[in-house]
Structures are given as C-alpha cells and as structure tokens.
Amino acid sequence: MINFRFHVVSLIAIFLALALGVVIGAGVIDRGVVDTLNSRLDRVEAKSDRIQSENSNNVNDLVTATQQADATVTGKLWLEEKWKLDSSDDVKALQDALGSTTKNKANLRTEAWKQLADRLSNQNAGGDAANDLLTVLQQAGFLGFDAVGGSTITNFPGRDAGVTLVVGNEGSIPPDDVALPLASALHTAEVPTVVAGVWVETTDGPARADAVQPIRDSDLARSVSTVDDLDQPQGPTTVVLAMADLFRPSPTVGHYGYGDNTKLLPDPVNA
C-alpha cells in the first residue's frame, strides 16, 4: 500500500504579516490529517475562552496547526515597522535595498512587495547570501527572521511554497499598506495565497473583516482565499484547510469566518 502523502508533493509555506509580519514554512500536507482536523473543530471551539490577544500567540498557534497537519515549518519572516517609511532615511534604505529610485512611498512599497513576492516564489533561492533580497532587507531593518529547524533566511521558504499573509488592525503597519498590494504581488508571482486577519476589538475600531475585505471586494477574490478569524480558536485550523485546498489538483478558493458571504470552514474533502 502506498501512503497518500507520496502523491501530494506540494510544499506549503505560510506567510504571516500581522502588519509586523511573519512567513512560515514548507512541507507536505497529509490529506488524512487535514480531514481529521475537521472532525476536531467542535472540541477546538469549546475552548473559545482561549482567544489569544497577542499576535505572537496567533502565530504560534498557526505554526502548531501547520505542523499537526504534517507540514514542515521552516521559519518566521517578520515585516518590521520600518515598512511604514516614516522617515526619509527609511525611504532611502528601502530604495538602496531594492536598487530603486522611486520616491513616492506607496509606489516604493508596491515595488518592494513585487520583488519580495518574486523572491518567495523563486525555487532556486539560497545562493549568494549577501545578494539575496531577504538578507538585504533583513540587514536594512525591514525584515526579521526566526528559523525553525535548520533553515536559514537564504533557503527560505523552500520549493513550491504557498503563502498565507496575515494582517491585523493592531499591527505596526496599517493593513491597507500590506494586504491588497502584497496579495496582488503574490498572485502575479503565481504563489498560492491565503490572506488571514487577526482582529482586536477596539472602541470605534474596524469591523472584524475589514483587514481582508479589500481582497474579497477585488478580482483577487477568485484566486486568493481569505480567513477573517485567525484570532479565534478555530482560525489556525481554517487557514491550514484553506491552504490545503489551494493545492488540490483543481484548486479551491474560499472565504471563511464571520464576514459577509463567508462560511466558517472549507467543505470536507474525501481522501
């Protein structure tokens, strides 16, 4: 008998922005494990009093859910506050890192997202560390990297990686500066992408789905999946299932959570 996982050769990376940002891993999802996660959701929801209030807890929960789905997490890549480009020095630093002369901040960030997406889609990355875009951006203060296992930033995220971009209303970088432009760049680079929201209730603050709504309201809704409840106990599992659906022979795009025209979970798939 041949184990099903040998038929699923897609490698999955999860990119988390949280407006501070994180990228995670590469690995193989076992469909049997993914199906089992569906049956466990009732028990997960019973722990709703464990809603995490800190971004790092959401990231750790997603890492755990990804590993439990038999994927290999290779690291966390953080988008630092410097992406706000609040000073002329930060603008110059990003121009130098990109080899760009663009002065407009929004256009410069868009150019950076394109180069970053191209780098994350590059299966042959990991050569000269000094010239690697991730290394250059890290040294310039725009990225942080936490390795998992023996990974390094130059061989991150691995071959055939999918990306989950997580944005939050209390991150250091406004979601509007990250979600739509970076998701667009990842789509153009043909990277399977899930955009997930971490929501913190604040007085007169945004609605739960606001961080991911620009994706749902755009043409990207047909190619990029969204999840608006990563901060909830079921959120990490939902992200893993949504990502797995993008690696089906016929990829399935969906929108999950509590926003308009969404459902709580992807539909079950028979192994």
C-alpha atoms as a PDB file:
ATOM      1  CA  MET A   1       0.000   0.000   0.000  1.00  0.00           C
ATOM      2  CA  ILE A   2       1.349   3.417  -0.972  1.00  0.00           C
ATOM      3  CA  ASN A   3       0.933   6.159   1.600  1.00  0.00           C
ATOM      4  CA  PHE A   4      -1.165   9.030   0.263  1.00  0.00           C
ATOM      5  CA  ARG A   5       1.383  11.655   1.256  1.00  0.00           C
ATOM      6  CA  PHE A   6       3.715  10.476  -1.501  1.00  0.00           C
ATOM      7  CA  HIS A   7       1.092  11.538  -4.004  1.00  0.00           C
ATOM      8  CA  VAL A   8       0.935  15.041  -2.560  1.00  0.00           C
ATOM      9  CA  VAL A   9       4.228  16.638  -3.470  1.00  0.00           C
ATOM     10  CA  SER A  10       3.262  20.261  -2.927  1.00  0.00           C
ATOM     11  CA  LEU A  11       5.326  22.210  -0.440  1.00  0.00           C
ATOM     12  CA  ILE A  12       3.434  24.738   1.608  1.00  0.00           C
ATOM     13  CA  ALA A  13       4.746  27.976   3.116  1.00  0.00           C
ATOM     14  CA  ILE A  14       2.647  30.238   5.295  1.00  0.00           C
ATOM     15  CA  PHE A  15       3.351  33.960   5.222  1.00  0.00           C
ATOM     16  CA  LEU A  16       2.048  36.000   8.132  1.00  0.00           C
ATOM     17  CA  ALA A  17       2.182  39.771   8.036  1.00  0.00           C
ATOM     18  CA  LEU A  18       0.174  40.909  11.077  1.00  0.00           C
ATOM     19  CA  ALA A  19       1.379  44.245   9.816  1.00  0.00           C
ATOM     20  CA  LEU A  20       4.508  43.208  11.703  1.00  0.00           C
ATOM     21  CA  GLY A  21       4.631  40.159   9.576  1.00  0.00           C
ATOM     22  CA  VAL A  22       5.724  36.573   9.541  1.00  0.00           C
ATOM     23  CA  VAL A  23       6.433  33.947   6.964  1.00  0.00           C
ATOM     24  CA  ILE A  24       6.299  30.277   7.802  1.00  0.00           C
ATOM     25  CA  GLY A  25       7.348  27.015   6.352  1.00  0.00           C
ATOM     26  CA  ALA A  26       7.421  24.405   3.672  1.00  0.00           C
ATOM     27  CA  GLY A  27       6.083  20.894   3.935  1.00  0.00           C
ATOM     28  CA  VAL A  28       3.661  18.247   2.749  1.00  0.00           C
ATOM     29  CA  ILE A  29       0.085  18.157   3.999  1.00  0.00           C
ATOM     30  CA  ASP A  30      -1.329  14.686   4.547  1.00  0.00           C
ATOM     31  CA  ARG A  31      -4.980  14.749   3.429  1.00  0.00           C
ATOM     32  CA  GLY A  32      -5.917  12.249   6.128  1.00  0.00           C
ATOM     33  CA  VAL A  33      -4.568  14.588   8.802  1.00  0.00           C
ATOM     34  CA  VAL A  34      -6.400  17.536   7.236  1.00  0.00           C
ATOM     35  CA  ASP A  35      -9.675  15.598   7.218  1.00  0.00           C
ATOM     36  CA  THR A  36      -9.138  14.664  10.874  1.00  0.00           C
ATOM     37  CA  LEU A  37      -8.771  18.359  11.730  1.00  0.00           C
ATOM     38  CA  ASN A  38     -12.335  18.926  10.515  1.00  0.00           C
ATOM     39  CA  SER A  39     -13.698  16.398  12.993  1.00  0.00           C
ATOM     40  CA  ARG A  40     -11.783  18.017  15.849  1.00  0.00           C
ATOM     41  CA  LEU A  41     -13.198  21.518  15.379  1.00  0.00           C
ATOM     42  CA  ASP A  42     -16.064  21.010  17.830  1.00  0.00           C
ATOM     43  CA  ARG A  43     -13.521  20.390  20.578  1.00  0.00           C
ATOM     44  CA  VAL A  44     -11.460  23.362  19.433  1.00  0.00           C
ATOM     45  CA  GLU A  45     -14.482  25.673  19.513  1.00  0.00           C
ATOM     46  CA  ALA A  46     -15.252  24.517  23.068  1.00  0.00           C
ATOM     47  CA  LYS A  47     -12.064  26.316  24.055  1.00  0.00           C
ATOM     48  CA  SER A  48     -13.279  29.688  22.781  1.00  0.00           C
ATOM     49  CA  ASP A  49     -12.341  31.257  26.124  1.00  0.00           C
ATOM     50  CA  ARG A  50      -8.726  30.844  24.996  1.00  0.00           C
ATOM     51  CA  ILE A  51      -8.949  33.616  22.375  1.00  0.00           C
ATOM     52  CA  GLN A  52      -5.440  34.974  22.043  1.00  0.00           C
ATOM     53  CA  SER A  53      -4.878  38.703  22.472  1.00  0.00           C
ATOM     54  CA  GLU A  54      -1.270  38.871  21.314  1.00  0.00           C
ATOM     55  CA  ASN A  55      -0.059  38.495  17.728  1.00  0.00           C
ATOM     56  CA  SER A  56       2.757  36.151  18.741  1.00  0.00           C
ATOM     57  CA  ASN A  57       0.251  33.688  20.225  1.00  0.00           C
ATOM     58  CA  ASN A  58      -1.704  33.653  16.950  1.00  0.00           C
ATOM     59  CA  VAL A  59       1.497  32.972  15.054  1.00  0.00           C
ATOM     60  CA  ASN A  60       2.496  30.164  17.396  1.00  0.00           C
ATOM     61  CA  ASP A  61      -0.973  28.623  17.134  1.00  0.00           C
ATOM     62  CA  LEU A  62      -0.749  28.680  13.354  1.00  0.00           C
ATOM     63  CA  VAL A  63       2.718  27.121  13.446  1.00  0.00           C
ATOM     64  CA  THR A  64       1.379  24.343  15.669  1.00  0.00           C
ATOM     65  CA  ALA A  65      -1.655  23.735  13.453  1.00  0.00           C
ATOM     66  CA  THR A  66       0.577  23.627  10.388  1.00  0.00           C
ATOM     67  CA  GLN A  67       2.913  21.101  11.973  1.00  0.00           C
ATOM     68  CA  GLN A  68      -0.022  18.978  13.158  1.00  0.00           C
ATOM     69  CA  ALA A  69      -1.176  18.871   9.534  1.00  0.00           C
ATOM     70  CA  ASP A  70       2.145  17.214   8.694  1.00  0.00           C
ATOM     71  CA  ALA A  71       3.710  20.297   7.108  1.00  0.00           C
ATOM     72  CA  THR A  72       7.281  21.375   7.810  1.00  0.00           C
ATOM     73  CA  VAL A  73       7.626  24.888   9.174  1.00  0.00           C
ATOM     74  CA  THR A  74      10.962  26.392   8.154  1.00  0.00           C
ATOM     75  CA  GLY A  75      10.834  29.785   9.849  1.00  0.00           C
ATOM     76  CA  LYS A  76       9.076  33.056  10.571  1.00  0.00           C
ATOM     77  CA  LEU A  77       9.803  36.138   8.497  1.00  0.00           C
ATOM     78  CA  TRP A  78       8.626  39.346  10.175  1.00  0.00           C
ATOM     79  CA  LEU A  79       7.777  42.587   8.416  1.00  0.00           C
ATOM     80  CA  GLU A  80       9.153  45.285  10.678  1.00  0.00           C
ATOM     81  CA  GLU A  81       7.742  48.742  11.470  1.00  0.00           C
ATOM     82  CA  LYS A  82      10.269  50.316   9.118  1.00  0.00           C
ATOM     83  CA  TRP A  83       7.893  49.453   6.234  1.00  0.00           C
ATOM     84  CA  LYS A  84       5.799  52.473   7.281  1.00  0.00           C
ATOM     85  CA  LEU A  85       8.542  54.635   5.735  1.00  0.00           C
ATOM     86  CA  ASP A  86       8.014  57.371   8.319  1.00  0.00           C
ATOM     87  CA  SER A  87      11.403  58.981   7.711  1.00  0.00           C
ATOM     88  CA  SER A  88      13.470  59.960   4.692  1.00  0.00           C
ATOM     89  CA  ASP A  89      16.200  57.642   5.999  1.00  0.00           C
ATOM     90  CA  ASP A  90      13.807  54.689   5.823  1.00  0.00           C
ATOM     91  CA  VAL A  91      12.792  55.626   2.287  1.00  0.00           C
ATOM     92  CA  LYS A  92      16.448  55.807   1.262  1.00  0.00           C
ATOM     93  CA  ALA A  93      17.201  52.486   2.953  1.00  0.00           C
ATOM     94  CA  LEU A  94      14.404  50.741   1.037  1.00  0.00           C
ATOM     95  CA  GLN A  95      15.470  52.371  -2.237  1.00  0.00           C
ATOM     96  CA  ASP A  96      19.004  51.101  -1.711  1.00  0.00           C
ATOM     97  CA  ALA A  97      17.817  47.600  -0.810  1.00  0.00           C
ATOM     98  CA  LEU A  98      15.669  47.406  -3.948  1.00  0.00           C
ATOM     99  CA  GLY A  99      18.027  49.250  -6.281  1.00  0.00           C
ATOM    100  CA  SER A 100      15.200  51.727  -6.915  1.00  0.00           C
ATOM    101  CA  THR A 101      14.938  55.483  -7.450  1.00  0.00           C
ATOM    102  CA  THR A 102      11.176  55.596  -6.734  1.00  0.00           C
ATOM    103  CA  LYS A 103      10.408  58.374  -4.240  1.00  0.00           C
ATOM    104  CA  ASN A 104       6.663  58.036  -3.684  1.00  0.00           C
ATOM    105  CA  LYS A 105       6.189  55.920  -0.559  1.00  0.00           C
ATOM    106  CA  ALA A 106       3.182  53.926  -1.754  1.00  0.00           C
ATOM    107  CA  ASN A 107       4.805  53.190  -5.108  1.00  0.00           C
ATOM    108  CA  LEU A 108       8.062  52.243  -3.421  1.00  0.00           C
ATOM    109  CA  ARG A 109       6.286  49.784  -1.122  1.00  0.00           C
ATOM    110  CA  THR A 110       4.416  48.324  -4.096  1.00  0.00           C
ATOM    111  CA  GLU A 111       7.726  47.830  -5.877  1.00  0.00           C
ATOM    112  CA  ALA A 112       9.099  46.176  -2.749  1.00  0.00           C
ATOM    113  CA  TRP A 113       6.113  43.816  -2.464  1.00  0.00           C
ATOM    114  CA  LYS A 114       6.639  42.757  -6.075  1.00  0.00           C
ATOM    115  CA  GLN A 115      10.313  41.998  -5.511  1.00  0.00           C
ATOM    116  CA  LEU A 116       9.531  40.199  -2.257  1.00  0.00           C
ATOM    117  CA  ALA A 117       6.822  38.081  -3.903  1.00  0.00           C
ATOM    118  CA  ASP A 118       9.156  37.207  -6.768  1.00  0.00           C
ATOM    119  CA  ARG A 119      11.811  36.188  -4.252  1.00  0.00           C
ATOM    120  CA  LEU A 120       9.384  33.995  -2.287  1.00  0.00           C
ATOM    121  CA  SER A 121       8.311  32.261  -5.491  1.00  0.00           C
ATOM    122  CA  ASN A 122      11.918  31.597  -6.537  1.00  0.00           C
ATOM    123  CA  GLN A 123      12.596  27.883  -6.223  1.00  0.00           C
ATOM    124  CA  ASN A 124      16.322  28.411  -6.775  1.00  0.00           C
ATOM    125  CA  ALA A 125      16.857  30.929  -3.954  1.00  0.00           C
ATOM    126  CA  GLY A 126      19.589  30.281  -1.446  1.00  0.00           C
ATOM    127  CA  GLY A 127      22.693  31.182  -3.428  1.00  0.00           C
ATOM    128  CA  ASP A 128      24.868  34.129  -2.509  1.00  0.00           C
ATOM    129  CA  ALA A 129      23.578  35.199   0.895  1.00  0.00           C
ATOM    130  CA  ALA A 130      24.997  38.717   0.603  1.00  0.00           C
ATOM    131  CA  ASN A 131      22.935  39.431  -2.526  1.00  0.00           C
ATOM    132  CA  ASP A 132      19.782  37.592  -1.505  1.00  0.00           C
ATOM    133  CA  LEU A 133      16.851  40.032  -1.243  1.00  0.00           C
ATOM    134  CA  LEU A 134      15.688  38.625   2.095  1.00  0.00           C
ATOM    135  CA  THR A 135      19.164  39.054   3.550  1.00  0.00           C
ATOM    136  CA  VAL A 136      19.466  42.573   2.171  1.00  0.00           C
ATOM    137  CA  LEU A 137      16.086  43.591   3.592  1.00  0.00           C
ATOM    138  CA  GLN A 138      16.937  41.977   6.919  1.00  0.00           C
ATOM    139  CA  GLN A 139      20.198  43.865   7.183  1.00  0.00           C
ATOM    140  CA  ALA A 140      18.384  47.093   6.284  1.00  0.00           C
ATOM    141  CA  GLY A 141      15.943  46.559   9.171  1.00  0.00           C
ATOM    142  CA  PHE A 142      12.828  45.749   7.133  1.00  0.00           C
ATOM    143  CA  LEU A 143      12.683  42.031   7.927  1.00  0.00           C
ATOM    144  CA  GLY A 144      13.233  39.828  10.927  1.00  0.00           C
ATOM    145  CA  PHE A 145      13.708  36.069  10.711  1.00  0.00           C
ATOM    146  CA  ASP A 146      13.187  33.294  13.248  1.00  0.00           C
ATOM    147  CA  ALA A 147      14.440  29.966  11.958  1.00  0.00           C
ATOM    148  CA  VAL A 148      12.629  26.714  12.687  1.00  0.00           C
ATOM    149  CA  GLY A 149      14.789  23.619  12.490  1.00  0.00           C
ATOM    150  CA  GLY A 150      17.900  24.024  10.374  1.00  0.00           C
ATOM    151  CA  SER A 151      16.513  26.583   7.947  1.00  0.00           C
ATOM    152  CA  THR A 152      18.210  29.851   7.053  1.00  0.00           C
ATOM    153  CA  ILE A 153      16.809  33.023   5.577  1.00  0.00           C
ATOM    154  CA  THR A 154      18.579  32.377   2.268  1.00  0.00           C
ATOM    155  CA  ASN A 155      16.914  28.995   1.700  1.00  0.00           C
ATOM    156  CA  PHE A 156      13.544  30.183   2.968  1.00  0.00           C
ATOM    157  CA  PRO A 157      10.740  29.297   2.263  1.00  0.00           C
ATOM    158  CA  GLY A 158      11.502  26.231   0.134  1.00  0.00           C
ATOM    159  CA  ARG A 159      10.277  24.842  -3.170  1.00  0.00           C
ATOM    160  CA  ASP A 160       6.681  25.218  -4.374  1.00  0.00           C
ATOM    161  CA  ALA A 161       5.677  27.287  -1.360  1.00  0.00           C
ATOM    162  CA  GLY A 162       2.210  28.645  -0.747  1.00  0.00           C
ATOM    163  CA  VAL A 163       1.836  31.812   1.307  1.00  0.00           C
ATOM    164  CA  THR A 164      -0.580  32.950   3.998  1.00  0.00           C
ATOM    165  CA  LEU A 165      -0.494  36.684   4.555  1.00  0.00           C
ATOM    166  CA  VAL A 166      -1.913  37.652   7.938  1.00  0.00           C
ATOM    167  CA  VAL A 167      -2.926  41.242   8.633  1.00  0.00           C
ATOM    168  CA  GLY A 168      -4.212  42.769  11.856  1.00  0.00           C
ATOM    169  CA  ASN A 169      -5.795  46.036  12.955  1.00  0.00           C
ATOM    170  CA  GLU A 170      -3.288  46.496  15.791  1.00  0.00           C
ATOM    171  CA  GLY A 171      -0.110  45.749  13.884  1.00  0.00           C
ATOM    172  CA  SER A 172       2.683  48.238  13.382  1.00  0.00           C
ATOM    173  CA  ILE A 173       1.948  48.542   9.661  1.00  0.00           C
ATOM    174  CA  PRO A 174      -1.598  49.500   8.571  1.00  0.00           C
ATOM    175  CA  PRO A 175      -3.329  46.551   6.839  1.00  0.00           C
ATOM    176  CA  ASP A 176      -4.137  48.753   3.847  1.00  0.00           C
ATOM    177  CA  ASP A 177      -0.405  49.071   3.189  1.00  0.00           C
ATOM    178  CA  VAL A 178       0.059  45.304   3.172  1.00  0.00           C
ATOM    179  CA  ALA A 179      -2.992  43.187   2.379  1.00  0.00           C
ATOM    180  CA  LEU A 180      -4.099  44.128  -1.131  1.00  0.00           C
ATOM    181  CA  PRO A 181      -0.743  45.184  -2.633  1.00  0.00           C
ATOM    182  CA  LEU A 182       1.231  42.214  -1.313  1.00  0.00           C
ATOM    183  CA  ALA A 183      -1.532  39.725  -2.109  1.00  0.00           C
ATOM    184  CA  SER A 184      -1.639  41.146  -5.634  1.00  0.00           C
ATOM    185  CA  ALA A 185       2.109  40.713  -5.980  1.00  0.00           C
ATOM    186  CA  LEU A 186       1.944  37.131  -4.694  1.00  0.00           C
ATOM    187  CA  HIS A 187      -0.868  36.360  -7.141  1.00  0.00           C
ATOM    188  CA  THR A 188       1.137  37.800 -10.025  1.00  0.00           C
ATOM    189  CA  ALA A 189       4.101  35.667  -8.949  1.00  0.00           C
ATOM    190  CA  GLU A 190       1.754  32.632  -9.089  1.00  0.00           C
ATOM    191  CA  VAL A 191       2.120  31.834  -5.391  1.00  0.00           C
ATOM    192  CA  PRO A 192      -0.913  30.101  -3.807  1.00  0.00           C
ATOM    193  CA  THR A 193      -2.082  32.659  -1.236  1.00  0.00           C
ATOM    194  CA  VAL A 194      -4.378  32.875   1.791  1.00  0.00           C
ATOM    195  CA  VAL A 195      -4.935  36.274   3.442  1.00  0.00           C
ATOM    196  CA  ALA A 196      -5.923  35.911   7.109  1.00  0.00           C
ATOM    197  CA  GLY A 197      -6.997  38.532   9.623  1.00  0.00           C
ATOM    198  CA  VAL A 198      -6.200  38.869  13.319  1.00  0.00           C
ATOM    199  CA  TRP A 199      -8.837  41.160  14.823  1.00  0.00           C
ATOM    200  CA  VAL A 200      -8.686  43.013  18.135  1.00  0.00           C
ATOM    201  CA  GLU A 201     -11.875  44.751  19.280  1.00  0.00           C
ATOM    202  CA  THR A 202     -11.256  48.422  19.997  1.00  0.00           C
ATOM    203  CA  THR A 203     -13.508  51.424  20.665  1.00  0.00           C
ATOM    204  CA  ASP A 204     -14.703  52.810  17.324  1.00  0.00           C
ATOM    205  CA  GLY A 205     -12.320  50.368  15.681  1.00  0.00           C
ATOM    206  CA  PRO A 206     -12.721  48.462  12.416  1.00  0.00           C
ATOM    207  CA  ALA A 207     -15.091  45.562  11.905  1.00  0.00           C
ATOM    208  CA  ARG A 208     -13.723  42.044  12.038  1.00  0.00           C
ATOM    209  CA  ALA A 209     -13.415  41.510   8.306  1.00  0.00           C
ATOM    210  CA  ASP A 210     -12.135  44.972   7.385  1.00  0.00           C
ATOM    211  CA  ALA A 211      -8.485  43.886   7.117  1.00  0.00           C
ATOM    212  CA  VAL A 212      -9.245  41.242   4.479  1.00  0.00           C
ATOM    213  CA  GLN A 213     -12.252  42.919   2.845  1.00  0.00           C
ATOM    214  CA  PRO A 214     -10.173  44.652   0.134  1.00  0.00           C
ATOM    215  CA  ILE A 215      -9.232  41.171  -1.121  1.00  0.00           C
ATOM    216  CA  ARG A 216     -12.840  39.994  -1.075  1.00  0.00           C
ATOM    217  CA  ASP A 217     -14.007  43.118  -2.932  1.00  0.00           C
ATOM    218  CA  SER A 218     -11.419  42.806  -5.701  1.00  0.00           C
ATOM    219  CA  ASP A 219     -10.774  40.479  -8.612  1.00  0.00           C
ATOM    220  CA  LEU A 220      -8.346  38.656  -6.317  1.00  0.00           C
ATOM    221  CA  ALA A 221     -11.369  37.069  -4.609  1.00  0.00           C
ATOM    222  CA  ARG A 222     -11.365  34.491  -7.409  1.00  0.00           C
ATOM    223  CA  SER A 223      -7.760  33.435  -6.818  1.00  0.00           C
ATOM    224  CA  VAL A 224      -6.820  34.359  -3.223  1.00  0.00           C
ATOM    225  CA  SER A 225      -8.548  32.768  -0.215  1.00  0.00           C
ATOM    226  CA  THR A 226      -9.322  34.765   2.935  1.00  0.00           C
ATOM    227  CA  VAL A 227      -9.908  33.966   6.608  1.00  0.00           C
ATOM    228  CA  ASP A 228     -11.121  36.698   8.995  1.00  0.00           C
ATOM    229  CA  ASP A 229     -10.904  34.828  12.320  1.00  0.00           C
ATOM    230  CA  LEU A 230      -7.304  33.744  12.827  1.00  0.00           C
ATOM    231  CA  ASP A 231      -7.577  35.222  16.342  1.00  0.00           C
ATOM    232  CA  GLN A 232     -10.286  32.668  17.177  1.00  0.00           C
ATOM    233  CA  PRO A 233      -9.539  29.091  18.333  1.00  0.00           C
ATOM    234  CA  GLN A 234     -10.675  27.607  15.018  1.00  0.00           C
ATOM    235  CA  GLY A 235      -8.732  30.145  12.946  1.00  0.00           C
ATOM    236  CA  PRO A 236      -5.380  28.335  12.589  1.00  0.00           C
ATOM    237  CA  THR A 237      -7.130  25.130  11.502  1.00  0.00           C
ATOM    238  CA  THR A 238      -9.229  27.077   9.000  1.00  0.00           C
ATOM    239  CA  VAL A 239      -6.082  28.615   7.495  1.00  0.00           C
ATOM    240  CA  VAL A 240      -4.437  25.195   7.145  1.00  0.00           C
ATOM    241  CA  LEU A 241      -7.537  23.756   5.454  1.00  0.00           C
ATOM    242  CA  ALA A 242      -7.834  26.776   3.149  1.00  0.00           C
ATOM    243  CA  MET A 243      -4.191  26.438   2.155  1.00  0.00           C
ATOM    244  CA  ALA A 244      -4.552  22.711   1.534  1.00  0.00           C
ATOM    245  CA  ASP A 245      -7.485  23.430  -0.796  1.00  0.00           C
ATOM    246  CA  LEU A 246      -5.230  25.633  -2.933  1.00  0.00           C
ATOM    247  CA  PHE A 247      -3.003  22.604  -3.565  1.00  0.00           C
ATOM    248  CA  ARG A 248      -5.756  20.336  -4.840  1.00  0.00           C
ATOM    249  CA  PRO A 249      -5.455  19.155  -8.477  1.00  0.00           C
ATOM    250  CA  SER A 250      -8.284  21.636  -9.082  1.00  0.00           C
ATOM    251  CA  PRO A 251      -7.522  24.427  -6.564  1.00  0.00           C
ATOM    252  CA  THR A 252     -10.452  25.652  -4.474  1.00  0.00           C
ATOM    253  CA  VAL A 253     -10.571  29.306  -3.415  1.00  0.00           C
ATOM    254  CA  GLY A 254     -12.793  30.233  -0.473  1.00  0.00           C
ATOM    255  CA  HIS A 255     -13.605  32.962   2.048  1.00  0.00           C
ATOM    256  CA  TYR A 256     -14.068  31.934   5.665  1.00  0.00           C
ATOM    257  CA  GLY A 257     -15.022  33.454   9.006  1.00  0.00           C
ATOM    258  CA  TYR A 258     -17.826  35.813  10.019  1.00  0.00           C
ATOM    259  CA  GLY A 259     -17.851  38.427   7.271  1.00  0.00           C
ATOM    260  CA  ASP A 260     -20.452  38.745   4.521  1.00  0.00           C
ATOM    261  CA  ASN A 261     -20.711  35.841   2.079  1.00  0.00           C
ATOM    262  CA  THR A 262     -18.363  33.615   4.064  1.00  0.00           C
ATOM    263  CA  LYS A 263     -18.618  30.253   5.781  1.00  0.00           C
ATOM    264  CA  LEU A 264     -16.871  29.004   8.888  1.00  0.00           C
ATOM    265  CA  LEU A 265     -14.828  26.233   7.264  1.00  0.00           C
ATOM    266  CA  PRO A 266     -13.856  24.786   3.896  1.00  0.00           C
ATOM    267  CA  ASP A 267     -16.049  21.916   2.768  1.00  0.00           C
ATOM    268  CA  PRO A 268     -14.810  18.440   3.782  1.00  0.00           C
ATOM    269  CA  VAL A 269     -12.874  16.577   1.117  1.00  0.00           C
ATOM    270  CA  ASN A 270     -12.851  12.822   0.808  1.00  0.00           C
ATOM    271  CA  ALA A 271      -9.350  11.366   0.847  1.00  0.00           C
END
